[in-house]
Each structure stands twice: as C-alpha cells, then as structure tokens.
mmCIF file of all heavy atoms, coordinates in Angstrom:
data_MODEL
# 
_entry.id   MODEL 
# 
loop_
_atom_site.group_PDB 
_atom_site.id 
_atom_site.type_symbol 
_atom_site.label_atom_id 
_atom_site.label_alt_id 
_atom_site.label_comp_id 
_atom_site.label_asym_id 
_atom_site.label_entity_id 
_atom_site.label_seq_id 
_atom_site.pdbx_PDB_ins_code 
_atom_site.Cartn_x 
_atom_site.Cartn_y 
_atom_site.Cartn_z 
_atom_site.occupancy 
_atom_site.B_iso_or_equiv 
_atom_site.pdbx_formal_charge 
_atom_site.auth_seq_id 
_atom_site.auth_comp_id 
_atom_site.auth_asym_id 
_atom_site.auth_atom_id 
_atom_site.pdbx_PDB_model_num 
ATOM 1   N N   . SER A 1 1  ? -19.589 -6.816  12.147 1.00 0.00 ? 1  SER A N   1 
ATOM 2   C CA  . SER A 1 1  ? -20.475 -6.232  13.156 1.00 0.00 ? 1  SER A CA  1 
ATOM 3   C C   . SER A 1 1  ? -20.621 -4.725  12.972 1.00 0.00 ? 1  SER A C   1 
ATOM 4   O O   . SER A 1 1  ? -21.695 -4.169  13.184 1.00 0.00 ? 1  SER A O   1 
ATOM 5   C CB  . SER A 1 1  ? -19.926 -6.492  14.567 1.00 0.00 ? 1  SER A CB  1 
ATOM 6   O OG  . SER A 1 1  ? -19.887 -7.860  14.833 1.00 0.00 ? 1  SER A OG  1 
ATOM 7   N N   . LEU A 1 2  ? -19.536 -4.088  12.566 1.00 0.00 ? 2  LEU A N   1 
ATOM 8   C CA  . LEU A 1 2  ? -19.545 -2.634  12.391 1.00 0.00 ? 2  LEU A CA  1 
ATOM 9   C C   . LEU A 1 2  ? -20.042 -2.226  11.009 1.00 0.00 ? 2  LEU A C   1 
ATOM 10  O O   . LEU A 1 2  ? -20.179 -1.030  10.727 1.00 0.00 ? 2  LEU A O   1 
ATOM 11  C CB  . LEU A 1 2  ? -18.149 -2.057  12.636 1.00 0.00 ? 2  LEU A CB  1 
ATOM 12  C CG  . LEU A 1 2  ? -17.621 -2.229  14.056 1.00 0.00 ? 2  LEU A CG  1 
ATOM 13  C CD1 . LEU A 1 2  ? -16.184 -1.762  14.152 1.00 0.00 ? 2  LEU A CD1 1 
ATOM 14  C CD2 . LEU A 1 2  ? -18.501 -1.486  15.051 1.00 0.00 ? 2  LEU A CD2 1 
ATOM 15  N N   . GLY A 1 3  ? -20.312 -3.187  10.156 1.00 0.00 ? 3  GLY A N   1 
ATOM 16  C CA  . GLY A 1 3  ? -20.782 -2.890  8.791  1.00 0.00 ? 3  GLY A CA  1 
ATOM 17  C C   . GLY A 1 3  ? -19.718 -2.204  7.956  1.00 0.00 ? 3  GLY A C   1 
ATOM 18  O O   . GLY A 1 3  ? -20.020 -1.383  7.104  1.00 0.00 ? 3  GLY A O   1 
ATOM 19  N N   . LEU A 1 4  ? -18.445 -2.578  8.200  1.00 0.00 ? 4  LEU A N   1 
ATOM 20  C CA  . LEU A 1 4  ? -17.334 -1.975  7.470  1.00 0.00 ? 4  LEU A CA  1 
ATOM 21  C C   . LEU A 1 4  ? -16.815 -2.968  6.428  1.00 0.00 ? 4  LEU A C   1 
ATOM 22  O O   . LEU A 1 4  ? -16.724 -4.169  6.698  1.00 0.00 ? 4  LEU A O   1 
ATOM 23  C CB  . LEU A 1 4  ? -16.210 -1.583  8.422  1.00 0.00 ? 4  LEU A CB  1 
ATOM 24  C CG  . LEU A 1 4  ? -16.588 -0.553  9.492  1.00 0.00 ? 4  LEU A CG  1 
ATOM 25  C CD1 . LEU A 1 4  ? -15.387 -0.307  10.437 1.00 0.00 ? 4  LEU A CD1 1 
ATOM 26  C CD2 . LEU A 1 4  ? -17.046 0.744   8.867  1.00 0.00 ? 4  LEU A CD2 1 
ATOM 27  N N   . SER A 1 5  ? -16.447 -2.457  5.276  1.00 0.00 ? 5  SER A N   1 
ATOM 28  C CA  . SER A 1 5  ? -15.937 -3.265  4.191  1.00 0.00 ? 5  SER A CA  1 
ATOM 29  C C   . SER A 1 5  ? -14.516 -3.726  4.483  1.00 0.00 ? 5  SER A C   1 
ATOM 30  O O   . SER A 1 5  ? -13.619 -2.911  4.736  1.00 0.00 ? 5  SER A O   1 
ATOM 31  C CB  . SER A 1 5  ? -15.948 -2.457  2.889  1.00 0.00 ? 5  SER A CB  1 
ATOM 32  O OG  . SER A 1 5  ? -15.135 -3.058  1.915  1.00 0.00 ? 5  SER A OG  1 
ATOM 33  N N   . ARG A 1 6  ? -14.309 -5.031  4.419  1.00 0.00 ? 6  ARG A N   1 
ATOM 34  C CA  . ARG A 1 6  ? -12.976 -5.582  4.666  1.00 0.00 ? 6  ARG A CA  1 
ATOM 35  C C   . ARG A 1 6  ? -11.974 -5.028  3.651  1.00 0.00 ? 6  ARG A C   1 
ATOM 36  O O   . ARG A 1 6  ? -10.844 -4.661  4.006  1.00 0.00 ? 6  ARG A O   1 
ATOM 37  C CB  . ARG A 1 6  ? -13.045 -7.096  4.606  1.00 0.00 ? 6  ARG A CB  1 
ATOM 38  C CG  . ARG A 1 6  ? -11.741 -7.768  4.909  1.00 0.00 ? 6  ARG A CG  1 
ATOM 39  C CD  . ARG A 1 6  ? -11.935 -9.291  4.979  1.00 0.00 ? 6  ARG A CD  1 
ATOM 40  N NE  . ARG A 1 6  ? -10.657 -9.928  4.884  1.00 0.00 ? 6  ARG A NE  1 
ATOM 41  C CZ  . ARG A 1 6  ? -10.388 -10.927 4.077  1.00 0.00 ? 6  ARG A CZ  1 
ATOM 42  N NH1 . ARG A 1 6  ? -11.320 -11.440 3.302  1.00 0.00 ? 6  ARG A NH1 1 
ATOM 43  N NH2 . ARG A 1 6  ? -9.190  -11.460 4.041  1.00 0.00 ? 6  ARG A NH2 1 
ATOM 44  N N   . ALA A 1 7  ? -12.376 -4.958  2.389  1.00 0.00 ? 7  ALA A N   1 
ATOM 45  C CA  . ALA A 1 7  ? -11.466 -4.467  1.336  1.00 0.00 ? 7  ALA A CA  1 
ATOM 46  C C   . ALA A 1 7  ? -11.084 -3.012  1.563  1.00 0.00 ? 7  ALA A C   1 
ATOM 47  O O   . ALA A 1 7  ? -9.928  -2.636  1.431  1.00 0.00 ? 7  ALA A O   1 
ATOM 48  C CB  . ALA A 1 7  ? -12.113 -4.656  -0.030 1.00 0.00 ? 7  ALA A CB  1 
ATOM 49  N N   . THR A 1 8  ? -12.073 -2.192  1.924  1.00 0.00 ? 8  THR A N   1 
ATOM 50  C CA  . THR A 1 8  ? -11.807 -0.776  2.159  1.00 0.00 ? 8  THR A CA  1 
ATOM 51  C C   . THR A 1 8  ? -10.869 -0.584  3.357  1.00 0.00 ? 8  THR A C   1 
ATOM 52  O O   . THR A 1 8  ? -9.907  0.182   3.283  1.00 0.00 ? 8  THR A O   1 
ATOM 53  C CB  . THR A 1 8  ? -13.123 -0.012  2.408  1.00 0.00 ? 8  THR A CB  1 
ATOM 54  O OG1 . THR A 1 8  ? -13.943 -0.144  1.230  1.00 0.00 ? 8  THR A OG1 1 
ATOM 55  C CG2 . THR A 1 8  ? -12.877 1.457   2.703  1.00 0.00 ? 8  THR A CG2 1 
ATOM 56  N N   . ILE A 1 9  ? -11.143 -1.287  4.419  1.00 0.00 ? 9  ILE A N   1 
ATOM 57  C CA  . ILE A 1 9  ? -10.323 -1.156  5.634  1.00 0.00 ? 9  ILE A CA  1 
ATOM 58  C C   . ILE A 1 9  ? -8.903  -1.681  5.356  1.00 0.00 ? 9  ILE A C   1 
ATOM 59  O O   . ILE A 1 9  ? -7.914  -1.055  5.761  1.00 0.00 ? 9  ILE A O   1 
ATOM 60  C CB  . ILE A 1 9  ? -10.964 -1.866  6.832  1.00 0.00 ? 9  ILE A CB  1 
ATOM 61  C CG1 . ILE A 1 9  ? -12.334 -1.247  7.147  1.00 0.00 ? 9  ILE A CG1 1 
ATOM 62  C CG2 . ILE A 1 9  ? -10.043 -1.812  8.047  1.00 0.00 ? 9  ILE A CG2 1 
ATOM 63  C CD1 . ILE A 1 9  ? -12.345 0.255   7.396  1.00 0.00 ? 9  ILE A CD1 1 
ATOM 64  N N   . SER A 1 10 ? -8.782  -2.796  4.656  1.00 0.00 ? 10 SER A N   1 
ATOM 65  C CA  . SER A 1 10 ? -7.465  -3.340  4.310  1.00 0.00 ? 10 SER A CA  1 
ATOM 66  C C   . SER A 1 10 ? -6.672  -2.349  3.469  1.00 0.00 ? 10 SER A C   1 
ATOM 67  O O   . SER A 1 10 ? -5.470  -2.152  3.689  1.00 0.00 ? 10 SER A O   1 
ATOM 68  C CB  . SER A 1 10 ? -7.594  -4.656  3.558  1.00 0.00 ? 10 SER A CB  1 
ATOM 69  O OG  . SER A 1 10 ? -8.134  -5.647  4.401  1.00 0.00 ? 10 SER A OG  1 
ATOM 70  N N   . ARG A 1 11 ? -7.321  -1.706  2.517  1.00 0.00 ? 11 ARG A N   1 
ATOM 71  C CA  . ARG A 1 11 ? -6.666  -0.700  1.681  1.00 0.00 ? 11 ARG A CA  1 
ATOM 72  C C   . ARG A 1 11 ? -6.210  0.475   2.528  1.00 0.00 ? 11 ARG A C   1 
ATOM 73  O O   . ARG A 1 11 ? -5.072  0.949   2.391  1.00 0.00 ? 11 ARG A O   1 
ATOM 74  C CB  . ARG A 1 11 ? -7.607  -0.221  0.567  1.00 0.00 ? 11 ARG A CB  1 
ATOM 75  C CG  . ARG A 1 11 ? -6.981  0.867   -0.329 1.00 0.00 ? 11 ARG A CG  1 
ATOM 76  C CD  . ARG A 1 11 ? -7.926  1.346   -1.427 1.00 0.00 ? 11 ARG A CD  1 
ATOM 77  N NE  . ARG A 1 11 ? -9.310  1.550   -1.038 1.00 0.00 ? 11 ARG A NE  1 
ATOM 78  C CZ  . ARG A 1 11 ? -9.761  2.608   -0.374 1.00 0.00 ? 11 ARG A CZ  1 
ATOM 79  N NH1 . ARG A 1 11 ? -8.949  3.557   -0.007 1.00 0.00 ? 11 ARG A NH1 1 
ATOM 80  N NH2 . ARG A 1 11 ? -11.045 2.722   -0.076 1.00 0.00 ? 11 ARG A NH2 1 
ATOM 81  N N   . LYS A 1 12 ? -7.047  0.936   3.426  1.00 0.00 ? 12 LYS A N   1 
ATOM 82  C CA  . LYS A 1 12 ? -6.706  2.074   4.281  1.00 0.00 ? 12 LYS A CA  1 
ATOM 83  C C   . LYS A 1 12 ? -5.561  1.708   5.240  1.00 0.00 ? 12 LYS A C   1 
ATOM 84  O O   . LYS A 1 12 ? -4.701  2.519   5.523  1.00 0.00 ? 12 LYS A O   1 
ATOM 85  C CB  . LYS A 1 12 ? -7.918  2.573   5.046  1.00 0.00 ? 12 LYS A CB  1 
ATOM 86  C CG  . LYS A 1 12 ? -8.893  3.312   4.133  1.00 0.00 ? 12 LYS A CG  1 
ATOM 87  C CD  . LYS A 1 12 ? -10.072 3.892   4.886  1.00 0.00 ? 12 LYS A CD  1 
ATOM 88  C CE  . LYS A 1 12 ? -10.978 4.659   3.937  1.00 0.00 ? 12 LYS A CE  1 
ATOM 89  N NZ  . LYS A 1 12 ? -11.969 5.452   4.630  1.00 0.00 ? 12 LYS A NZ  1 
ATOM 90  N N   . GLU A 1 13 ? -5.557  0.472   5.721  1.00 0.00 ? 13 GLU A N   1 
ATOM 91  C CA  . GLU A 1 13 ? -4.453  0.027   6.576  1.00 0.00 ? 13 GLU A CA  1 
ATOM 92  C C   . GLU A 1 13 ? -3.145  0.004   5.783  1.00 0.00 ? 13 GLU A C   1 
ATOM 93  O O   . GLU A 1 13 ? -2.119  0.479   6.249  1.00 0.00 ? 13 GLU A O   1 
ATOM 94  C CB  . GLU A 1 13 ? -4.741  -1.368  7.148  1.00 0.00 ? 13 GLU A CB  1 
ATOM 95  C CG  . GLU A 1 13 ? -5.761  -1.392  8.238  1.00 0.00 ? 13 GLU A CG  1 
ATOM 96  C CD  . GLU A 1 13 ? -6.128  -2.792  8.680  1.00 0.00 ? 13 GLU A CD  1 
ATOM 97  O OE1 . GLU A 1 13 ? -6.156  -3.725  7.848  1.00 0.00 ? 13 GLU A OE1 1 
ATOM 98  O OE2 . GLU A 1 13 ? -6.410  -2.953  9.887  1.00 0.00 ? 13 GLU A OE2 1 
ATOM 99  N N   . LYS A 1 14 ? -3.205  -0.554  4.569  1.00 0.00 ? 14 LYS A N   1 
ATOM 100 C CA  . LYS A 1 14 ? -2.022  -0.662  3.709  1.00 0.00 ? 14 LYS A CA  1 
ATOM 101 C C   . LYS A 1 14 ? -1.483  0.717   3.363  1.00 0.00 ? 14 LYS A C   1 
ATOM 102 O O   . LYS A 1 14 ? -0.275  0.953   3.364  1.00 0.00 ? 14 LYS A O   1 
ATOM 103 C CB  . LYS A 1 14 ? -2.379  -1.428  2.438  1.00 0.00 ? 14 LYS A CB  1 
ATOM 104 C CG  . LYS A 1 14 ? -1.231  -1.610  1.479  1.00 0.00 ? 14 LYS A CG  1 
ATOM 105 C CD  . LYS A 1 14 ? -1.671  -2.379  0.245  1.00 0.00 ? 14 LYS A CD  1 
ATOM 106 C CE  . LYS A 1 14 ? -0.636  -2.190  -0.837 1.00 0.00 ? 14 LYS A CE  1 
ATOM 107 N NZ  . LYS A 1 14 ? -1.212  -1.815  -2.091 1.00 0.00 ? 14 LYS A NZ  1 
ATOM 108 N N   . ASP A 1 15 ? -2.393  1.649   3.058  1.00 0.00 ? 15 ASP A N   1 
ATOM 109 C CA  . ASP A 1 15 ? -1.995  2.997   2.683  1.00 0.00 ? 15 ASP A CA  1 
ATOM 110 C C   . ASP A 1 15 ? -1.750  3.908   3.885  1.00 0.00 ? 15 ASP A C   1 
ATOM 111 O O   . ASP A 1 15 ? -1.393  5.074   3.719  1.00 0.00 ? 15 ASP A O   1 
ATOM 112 C CB  . ASP A 1 15 ? -3.095  3.650   1.807  1.00 0.00 ? 15 ASP A CB  1 
ATOM 113 C CG  . ASP A 1 15 ? -3.292  2.927   0.484  1.00 0.00 ? 15 ASP A CG  1 
ATOM 114 O OD1 . ASP A 1 15 ? -2.400  2.127   0.093  1.00 0.00 ? 15 ASP A OD1 1 
ATOM 115 O OD2 . ASP A 1 15 ? -4.338  3.137   -0.145 1.00 0.00 ? 15 ASP A OD2 1 
ATOM 116 N N   . ALA A 1 16 ? -1.965  3.392   5.090  1.00 0.00 ? 16 ALA A N   1 
ATOM 117 C CA  . ALA A 1 16 ? -1.808  4.157   6.337  1.00 0.00 ? 16 ALA A CA  1 
ATOM 118 C C   . ALA A 1 16 ? -2.628  5.444   6.303  1.00 0.00 ? 16 ALA A C   1 
ATOM 119 O O   . ALA A 1 16 ? -2.155  6.525   6.634  1.00 0.00 ? 16 ALA A O   1 
ATOM 120 C CB  . ALA A 1 16 ? -0.330  4.454   6.626  1.00 0.00 ? 16 ALA A CB  1 
ATOM 121 N N   . THR A 1 17 ? -3.880  5.306   5.895  1.00 0.00 ? 17 THR A N   1 
ATOM 122 C CA  . THR A 1 17 ? -4.783  6.462   5.838  1.00 0.00 ? 17 THR A CA  1 
ATOM 123 C C   . THR A 1 17 ? -5.796  6.403   6.983  1.00 0.00 ? 17 THR A C   1 
ATOM 124 O O   . THR A 1 17 ? -5.960  5.394   7.642  1.00 0.00 ? 17 THR A O   1 
ATOM 125 C CB  . THR A 1 17 ? -5.510  6.549   4.490  1.00 0.00 ? 17 THR A CB  1 
ATOM 126 O OG1 . THR A 1 17 ? -6.271  5.344   4.299  1.00 0.00 ? 17 THR A OG1 1 
ATOM 127 C CG2 . THR A 1 17 ? -4.537  6.721   3.334  1.00 0.00 ? 17 THR A CG2 1 
ATOM 128 N N   . MET A 1 18 ? -6.465  7.520   7.152  1.00 0.00 ? 18 MET A N   1 
ATOM 129 C CA  . MET A 1 18 ? -7.438  7.649   8.232  1.00 0.00 ? 18 MET A CA  1 
ATOM 130 C C   . MET A 1 18 ? -8.792  7.069   7.800  1.00 0.00 ? 18 MET A C   1 
ATOM 131 O O   . MET A 1 18 ? -9.154  7.088   6.617  1.00 0.00 ? 18 MET A O   1 
ATOM 132 C CB  . MET A 1 18 ? -7.621  9.106   8.596  1.00 0.00 ? 18 MET A CB  1 
ATOM 133 C CG  . MET A 1 18 ? -6.321  9.801   8.985  1.00 0.00 ? 18 MET A CG  1 
ATOM 134 S SD  . MET A 1 18 ? -5.548  9.048   10.404 1.00 0.00 ? 18 MET A SD  1 
ATOM 135 C CE  . MET A 1 18 ? -6.139  10.131  11.670 1.00 0.00 ? 18 MET A CE  1 
ATOM 136 N N   . LEU A 1 19 ? -9.550  6.607   8.786  1.00 0.00 ? 19 LEU A N   1 
ATOM 137 C CA  . LEU A 1 19 ? -10.919 6.187   8.533  1.00 0.00 ? 19 LEU A CA  1 
ATOM 138 C C   . LEU A 1 19 ? -11.786 7.423   8.352  1.00 0.00 ? 19 LEU A C   1 
ATOM 139 O O   . LEU A 1 19 ? -11.490 8.501   8.869  1.00 0.00 ? 19 LEU A O   1 
ATOM 140 C CB  . LEU A 1 19 ? -11.440 5.367   9.723  1.00 0.00 ? 19 LEU A CB  1 
ATOM 141 C CG  . LEU A 1 19 ? -10.705 4.060   10.035 1.00 0.00 ? 19 LEU A CG  1 
ATOM 142 C CD1 . LEU A 1 19 ? -11.284 3.428   11.291 1.00 0.00 ? 19 LEU A CD1 1 
ATOM 143 C CD2 . LEU A 1 19 ? -10.794 3.098   8.865  1.00 0.00 ? 19 LEU A CD2 1 
ATOM 144 N N   . SER A 1 20 ? -12.885 7.254   7.622  1.00 0.00 ? 20 SER A N   1 
ATOM 145 C CA  . SER A 1 20 ? -13.846 8.342   7.453  1.00 0.00 ? 20 SER A CA  1 
ATOM 146 C C   . SER A 1 20 ? -14.515 8.652   8.795  1.00 0.00 ? 20 SER A C   1 
ATOM 147 O O   . SER A 1 20 ? -14.380 7.894   9.750  1.00 0.00 ? 20 SER A O   1 
ATOM 148 C CB  . SER A 1 20 ? -14.908 7.944   6.433  1.00 0.00 ? 20 SER A CB  1 
ATOM 149 O OG  . SER A 1 20 ? -15.741 6.930   6.985  1.00 0.00 ? 20 SER A OG  1 
ATOM 150 N N   . LYS A 1 21 ? -15.266 9.735   8.838  1.00 0.00 ? 21 LYS A N   1 
ATOM 151 C CA  . LYS A 1 21 ? -15.997 10.070  10.074 1.00 0.00 ? 21 LYS A CA  1 
ATOM 152 C C   . LYS A 1 21 ? -16.920 8.933   10.480 1.00 0.00 ? 21 LYS A C   1 
ATOM 153 O O   . LYS A 1 21 ? -16.961 8.542   11.643 1.00 0.00 ? 21 LYS A O   1 
ATOM 154 C CB  . LYS A 1 21 ? -16.811 11.353  9.870  1.00 0.00 ? 21 LYS A CB  1 
ATOM 155 C CG  . LYS A 1 21 ? -15.996 12.610  9.913  1.00 0.00 ? 21 LYS A CG  1 
ATOM 156 C CD  . LYS A 1 21 ? -16.880 13.832  9.973  1.00 0.00 ? 21 LYS A CD  1 
ATOM 157 C CE  . LYS A 1 21 ? -17.093 14.380  8.586  1.00 0.00 ? 21 LYS A CE  1 
ATOM 158 N NZ  . LYS A 1 21 ? -17.802 15.656  8.560  1.00 0.00 ? 21 LYS A NZ  1 
ATOM 159 N N   . ASP A 1 22 ? -17.671 8.401   9.526  1.00 0.00 ? 22 ASP A N   1 
ATOM 160 C CA  . ASP A 1 22 ? -18.606 7.324   9.817  1.00 0.00 ? 22 ASP A CA  1 
ATOM 161 C C   . ASP A 1 22 ? -17.891 6.081   10.328 1.00 0.00 ? 22 ASP A C   1 
ATOM 162 O O   . ASP A 1 22 ? -18.288 5.475   11.324 1.00 0.00 ? 22 ASP A O   1 
ATOM 163 C CB  . ASP A 1 22 ? -19.438 6.996   8.561  1.00 0.00 ? 22 ASP A CB  1 
ATOM 164 C CG  . ASP A 1 22 ? -20.431 5.887   8.816  1.00 0.00 ? 22 ASP A CG  1 
ATOM 165 O OD1 . ASP A 1 22 ? -21.293 6.037   9.715  1.00 0.00 ? 22 ASP A OD1 1 
ATOM 166 O OD2 . ASP A 1 22 ? -20.358 4.858   8.112  1.00 0.00 ? 22 ASP A OD2 1 
ATOM 167 N N   . GLU A 1 23 ? -16.814 5.689   9.653  1.00 0.00 ? 23 GLU A N   1 
ATOM 168 C CA  . GLU A 1 23 ? -16.051 4.521   10.082 1.00 0.00 ? 23 GLU A CA  1 
ATOM 169 C C   . GLU A 1 23 ? -15.440 4.748   11.465 1.00 0.00 ? 23 GLU A C   1 
ATOM 170 O O   . GLU A 1 23 ? -15.494 3.861   12.327 1.00 0.00 ? 23 GLU A O   1 
ATOM 171 C CB  . GLU A 1 23 ? -14.943 4.220   9.071  1.00 0.00 ? 23 GLU A CB  1 
ATOM 172 C CG  . GLU A 1 23 ? -15.462 3.796   7.707  1.00 0.00 ? 23 GLU A CG  1 
ATOM 173 C CD  . GLU A 1 23 ? -14.421 3.916   6.598  1.00 0.00 ? 23 GLU A CD  1 
ATOM 174 O OE1 . GLU A 1 23 ? -13.440 4.681   6.743  1.00 0.00 ? 23 GLU A OE1 1 
ATOM 175 O OE2 . GLU A 1 23 ? -14.622 3.253   5.565  1.00 0.00 ? 23 GLU A OE2 1 
ATOM 176 N N   . SER A 1 24 ? -14.885 5.938   11.668 1.00 0.00 ? 24 SER A N   1 
ATOM 177 C CA  . SER A 1 24 ? -14.279 6.258   12.968 1.00 0.00 ? 24 SER A CA  1 
ATOM 178 C C   . SER A 1 24 ? -15.321 6.205   14.088 1.00 0.00 ? 24 SER A C   1 
ATOM 179 O O   . SER A 1 24 ? -15.047 5.687   15.166 1.00 0.00 ? 24 SER A O   1 
ATOM 180 C CB  . SER A 1 24 ? -13.649 7.656   12.923 1.00 0.00 ? 24 SER A CB  1 
ATOM 181 O OG  . SER A 1 24 ? -12.569 7.706   12.027 1.00 0.00 ? 24 SER A OG  1 
# 
C-alpha cells in the first residue's frame, strides 16, 4: 500500500538502519 520494497525494508530492519525521508 505504501509502495515500499519488501527487500529494502527487510534489509533496513536487519541492519537496524533508518528509513529514508520518503519512506518515513
């Protein structure tokens, strides 16, 4: 729904990194 990539978000979750401005 948010147009966010599952792979990108999973990687960011795994790496404990912040979302980009657009994603946030």
